[in-house]
Amino acid sequence: MVKIRLRRIGQKKKPFYRIVVADSRTAMNSRTIAEIGTYDPLKNPTEFKVDEEQAKKWLANGAQPTERVSKIFKLAGIL
């Protein structure tokens, strides 16, 4: 099963995430299929950038977003 989820790349106590498409059986920070955006929770308000075309393509192909990613997609107007 393919999931759209967050991958942490930030330093200690400074989280920064990439929104990635990955197989659900792989580890959280291991190999990914595609990278479709970023998410920065430390900015006020939180900042995110999403490639809408890629996100819609993966959702149409059956990829399931995690709970946090689905909230980001709702804010971006994708879902």
N, C-alpha and C. Protein backbone atom coordinates (compact mmCIF):
# COMPACT_ATOMS: atom_id res chain seq x y z
N MET A 1 0.84 -1.18 0.00
CA MET A 1 0.00 0.00 0.00
C MET A 1 0.89 1.25 0.00
N VAL A 2 0.51 2.21 -0.79
CA VAL A 2 1.28 3.45 -0.90
C VAL A 2 0.66 4.51 0.00
N LYS A 3 1.51 5.20 0.75
CA LYS A 3 1.07 6.25 1.67
C LYS A 3 1.72 7.57 1.30
N ILE A 4 1.01 8.66 1.57
CA ILE A 4 1.58 10.00 1.49
C ILE A 4 1.78 10.42 2.93
N ARG A 5 3.03 10.65 3.32
CA ARG A 5 3.32 10.93 4.73
C ARG A 5 4.44 11.94 4.86
N LEU A 6 4.70 12.34 6.11
CA LEU A 6 5.75 13.30 6.39
C LEU A 6 7.07 12.58 6.68
N ARG A 7 8.16 13.18 6.22
CA ARG A 7 9.50 12.66 6.49
C ARG A 7 10.30 13.77 7.16
N ARG A 8 10.73 13.55 8.39
CA ARG A 8 11.44 14.58 9.13
C ARG A 8 12.87 14.71 8.65
N ILE A 9 13.29 15.96 8.40
CA ILE A 9 14.67 16.21 7.99
C ILE A 9 15.31 17.30 8.83
N GLY A 10 14.60 17.86 9.80
CA GLY A 10 15.12 18.96 10.60
C GLY A 10 16.11 18.54 11.65
N GLN A 11 16.74 19.53 12.25
CA GLN A 11 17.69 19.29 13.33
C GLN A 11 16.94 18.99 14.63
N LYS A 12 17.71 18.69 15.65
CA LYS A 12 17.14 18.43 16.97
C LYS A 12 16.40 19.68 17.46
N LYS A 13 15.16 19.50 17.85
CA LYS A 13 14.27 20.56 18.35
C LYS A 13 13.92 21.62 17.30
N LYS A 14 14.21 21.34 16.03
CA LYS A 14 13.83 22.24 14.94
C LYS A 14 13.27 21.39 13.81
N PRO A 15 12.05 20.90 13.96
CA PRO A 15 11.50 20.00 12.95
C PRO A 15 11.21 20.71 11.63
N PHE A 16 11.48 20.01 10.55
CA PHE A 16 11.13 20.42 9.20
C PHE A 16 10.81 19.14 8.46
N TYR A 17 9.74 19.14 7.70
CA TYR A 17 9.28 17.90 7.09
C TYR A 17 9.16 18.03 5.58
N ARG A 18 9.36 16.91 4.90
CA ARG A 18 9.05 16.80 3.48
C ARG A 18 7.83 15.91 3.35
N ILE A 19 6.93 16.27 2.45
CA ILE A 19 5.76 15.44 2.17
C ILE A 19 6.18 14.48 1.06
N VAL A 20 6.15 13.19 1.38
CA VAL A 20 6.68 12.19 0.45
C VAL A 20 5.65 11.09 0.19
N VAL A 21 5.83 10.40 -0.92
CA VAL A 21 5.05 9.22 -1.27
C VAL A 21 5.96 8.03 -1.04
N ALA A 22 5.51 7.07 -0.20
CA ALA A 22 6.35 5.93 0.13
C ALA A 22 5.50 4.69 0.35
N ASP A 23 6.13 3.54 0.23
CA ASP A 23 5.47 2.27 0.55
C ASP A 23 5.25 2.23 2.06
N SER A 24 4.08 1.78 2.48
CA SER A 24 3.75 1.79 3.91
C SER A 24 4.60 0.82 4.71
N ARG A 25 5.24 -0.14 4.05
CA ARG A 25 6.04 -1.13 4.77
C ARG A 25 7.46 -0.66 5.05
N THR A 26 7.89 0.45 4.44
CA THR A 26 9.25 0.94 4.65
C THR A 26 9.34 1.77 5.92
N ALA A 27 10.56 1.95 6.42
CA ALA A 27 10.79 2.75 7.62
C ALA A 27 10.45 4.21 7.34
N MET A 28 10.23 4.97 8.40
CA MET A 28 9.77 6.34 8.28
C MET A 28 10.71 7.23 7.45
N ASN A 29 12.02 7.11 7.64
CA ASN A 29 12.96 7.98 6.93
C ASN A 29 13.78 7.24 5.89
N SER A 30 13.24 6.15 5.38
CA SER A 30 13.98 5.38 4.37
C SER A 30 13.61 5.84 2.96
N ARG A 31 13.87 5.00 1.99
CA ARG A 31 13.68 5.35 0.58
C ARG A 31 12.22 5.71 0.28
N THR A 32 12.06 6.71 -0.58
CA THR A 32 10.71 7.16 -0.96
C THR A 32 10.52 7.04 -2.46
N ILE A 33 9.27 7.07 -2.87
CA ILE A 33 8.94 6.99 -4.30
C ILE A 33 9.02 8.38 -4.94
N ALA A 34 8.43 9.37 -4.26
CA ALA A 34 8.42 10.74 -4.79
C ALA A 34 8.34 11.73 -3.65
N GLU A 35 8.81 12.94 -3.91
CA GLU A 35 8.72 14.03 -2.95
C GLU A 35 7.79 15.08 -3.54
N ILE A 36 6.71 15.42 -2.82
CA ILE A 36 5.71 16.31 -3.42
C ILE A 36 5.51 17.63 -2.67
N GLY A 37 6.28 17.87 -1.59
CA GLY A 37 6.12 19.13 -0.90
C GLY A 37 6.92 19.22 0.38
N THR A 38 6.75 20.36 1.08
CA THR A 38 7.43 20.59 2.36
C THR A 38 6.43 21.13 3.37
N TYR A 39 6.80 21.01 4.66
CA TYR A 39 5.96 21.49 5.75
C TYR A 39 6.86 21.99 6.87
N ASP A 40 6.66 23.23 7.30
CA ASP A 40 7.46 23.83 8.37
C ASP A 40 6.54 24.25 9.50
N PRO A 41 6.47 23.46 10.59
CA PRO A 41 5.56 23.78 11.68
C PRO A 41 6.04 24.90 12.60
N LEU A 42 7.30 25.32 12.49
CA LEU A 42 7.82 26.34 13.39
C LEU A 42 7.46 27.76 12.98
N LYS A 43 7.17 27.98 11.73
CA LYS A 43 6.77 29.31 11.27
C LYS A 43 5.37 29.63 11.82
N ASN A 44 5.10 30.91 11.98
CA ASN A 44 3.79 31.30 12.49
C ASN A 44 3.14 32.24 11.49
N PRO A 45 2.11 31.83 10.76
CA PRO A 45 1.44 30.53 10.77
C PRO A 45 2.30 29.47 10.07
N THR A 46 1.95 28.21 10.27
CA THR A 46 2.74 27.13 9.69
C THR A 46 2.80 27.27 8.18
N GLU A 47 3.94 26.93 7.62
CA GLU A 47 4.17 27.11 6.19
C GLU A 47 4.26 25.76 5.50
N PHE A 48 3.59 25.63 4.38
CA PHE A 48 3.66 24.40 3.60
C PHE A 48 3.61 24.72 2.12
N LYS A 49 4.28 23.89 1.33
CA LYS A 49 4.27 24.01 -0.12
C LYS A 49 3.99 22.62 -0.67
N VAL A 50 2.99 22.52 -1.54
CA VAL A 50 2.60 21.22 -2.09
C VAL A 50 2.47 21.34 -3.60
N ASP A 51 3.03 20.39 -4.32
CA ASP A 51 2.84 20.30 -5.77
C ASP A 51 1.47 19.66 -6.00
N GLU A 52 0.49 20.50 -6.31
CA GLU A 52 -0.90 20.03 -6.41
C GLU A 52 -1.09 18.96 -7.48
N GLU A 53 -0.44 19.12 -8.62
CA GLU A 53 -0.60 18.13 -9.70
C GLU A 53 -0.12 16.75 -9.26
N GLN A 54 1.06 16.71 -8.64
CA GLN A 54 1.60 15.44 -8.18
C GLN A 54 0.71 14.83 -7.09
N ALA A 55 0.24 15.67 -6.16
CA ALA A 55 -0.61 15.17 -5.07
C ALA A 55 -1.90 14.58 -5.62
N LYS A 56 -2.53 15.28 -6.54
CA LYS A 56 -3.78 14.78 -7.13
C LYS A 56 -3.54 13.50 -7.92
N LYS A 57 -2.40 13.43 -8.60
CA LYS A 57 -2.07 12.23 -9.38
C LYS A 57 -1.93 11.02 -8.45
N TRP A 58 -1.21 11.18 -7.34
CA TRP A 58 -1.01 10.07 -6.41
C TRP A 58 -2.30 9.69 -5.70
N LEU A 59 -3.14 10.67 -5.37
CA LEU A 59 -4.43 10.36 -4.75
C LEU A 59 -5.33 9.60 -5.71
N ALA A 60 -5.28 9.98 -7.00
CA ALA A 60 -6.08 9.27 -8.01
C ALA A 60 -5.58 7.84 -8.21
N ASN A 61 -4.28 7.61 -8.00
CA ASN A 61 -3.71 6.27 -8.14
C ASN A 61 -3.91 5.41 -6.90
N GLY A 62 -4.54 5.95 -5.85
CA GLY A 62 -4.87 5.14 -4.69
C GLY A 62 -3.98 5.33 -3.48
N ALA A 63 -3.10 6.33 -3.49
CA ALA A 63 -2.25 6.58 -2.32
C ALA A 63 -3.10 7.15 -1.19
N GLN A 64 -2.85 6.67 0.03
CA GLN A 64 -3.61 7.12 1.20
C GLN A 64 -2.79 8.12 2.01
N PRO A 65 -3.29 9.35 2.22
CA PRO A 65 -2.55 10.31 3.05
C PRO A 65 -2.73 9.99 4.53
N THR A 66 -1.70 10.30 5.31
CA THR A 66 -1.81 10.15 6.76
C THR A 66 -2.72 11.26 7.29
N GLU A 67 -3.02 11.20 8.57
CA GLU A 67 -3.94 12.17 9.16
C GLU A 67 -3.40 13.60 9.04
N ARG A 68 -2.14 13.80 9.36
CA ARG A 68 -1.55 15.14 9.30
C ARG A 68 -1.46 15.64 7.86
N VAL A 69 -1.10 14.78 6.95
CA VAL A 69 -0.99 15.18 5.54
C VAL A 69 -2.37 15.53 4.97
N SER A 70 -3.40 14.80 5.38
CA SER A 70 -4.74 15.12 4.88
C SER A 70 -5.19 16.50 5.38
N LYS A 71 -4.78 16.89 6.58
CA LYS A 71 -5.09 18.24 7.08
C LYS A 71 -4.37 19.30 6.26
N ILE A 72 -3.12 19.02 5.91
CA ILE A 72 -2.36 19.96 5.07
C ILE A 72 -3.01 20.08 3.70
N PHE A 73 -3.43 18.94 3.13
CA PHE A 73 -4.10 18.97 1.83
C PHE A 73 -5.40 19.75 1.88
N LYS A 74 -6.15 19.64 2.97
CA LYS A 74 -7.39 20.42 3.10
C LYS A 74 -7.09 21.91 3.14
N LEU A 75 -6.04 22.30 3.86
CA LEU A 75 -5.67 23.71 3.90
C LEU A 75 -5.21 24.21 2.54
N ALA A 76 -4.57 23.34 1.77
CA ALA A 76 -4.09 23.72 0.44
C ALA A 76 -5.20 23.66 -0.61
N GLY A 77 -6.35 23.08 -0.26
CA GLY A 77 -7.46 22.99 -1.21
C GLY A 77 -7.37 21.80 -2.14
N ILE A 78 -6.61 20.79 -1.78
CA ILE A 78 -6.45 19.61 -2.63
C ILE A 78 -7.55 18.60 -2.33
N LEU A 79 -7.88 18.40 -1.07
CA LEU A 79 -8.95 17.47 -0.69
C LEU A 79 -10.25 18.21 -0.50
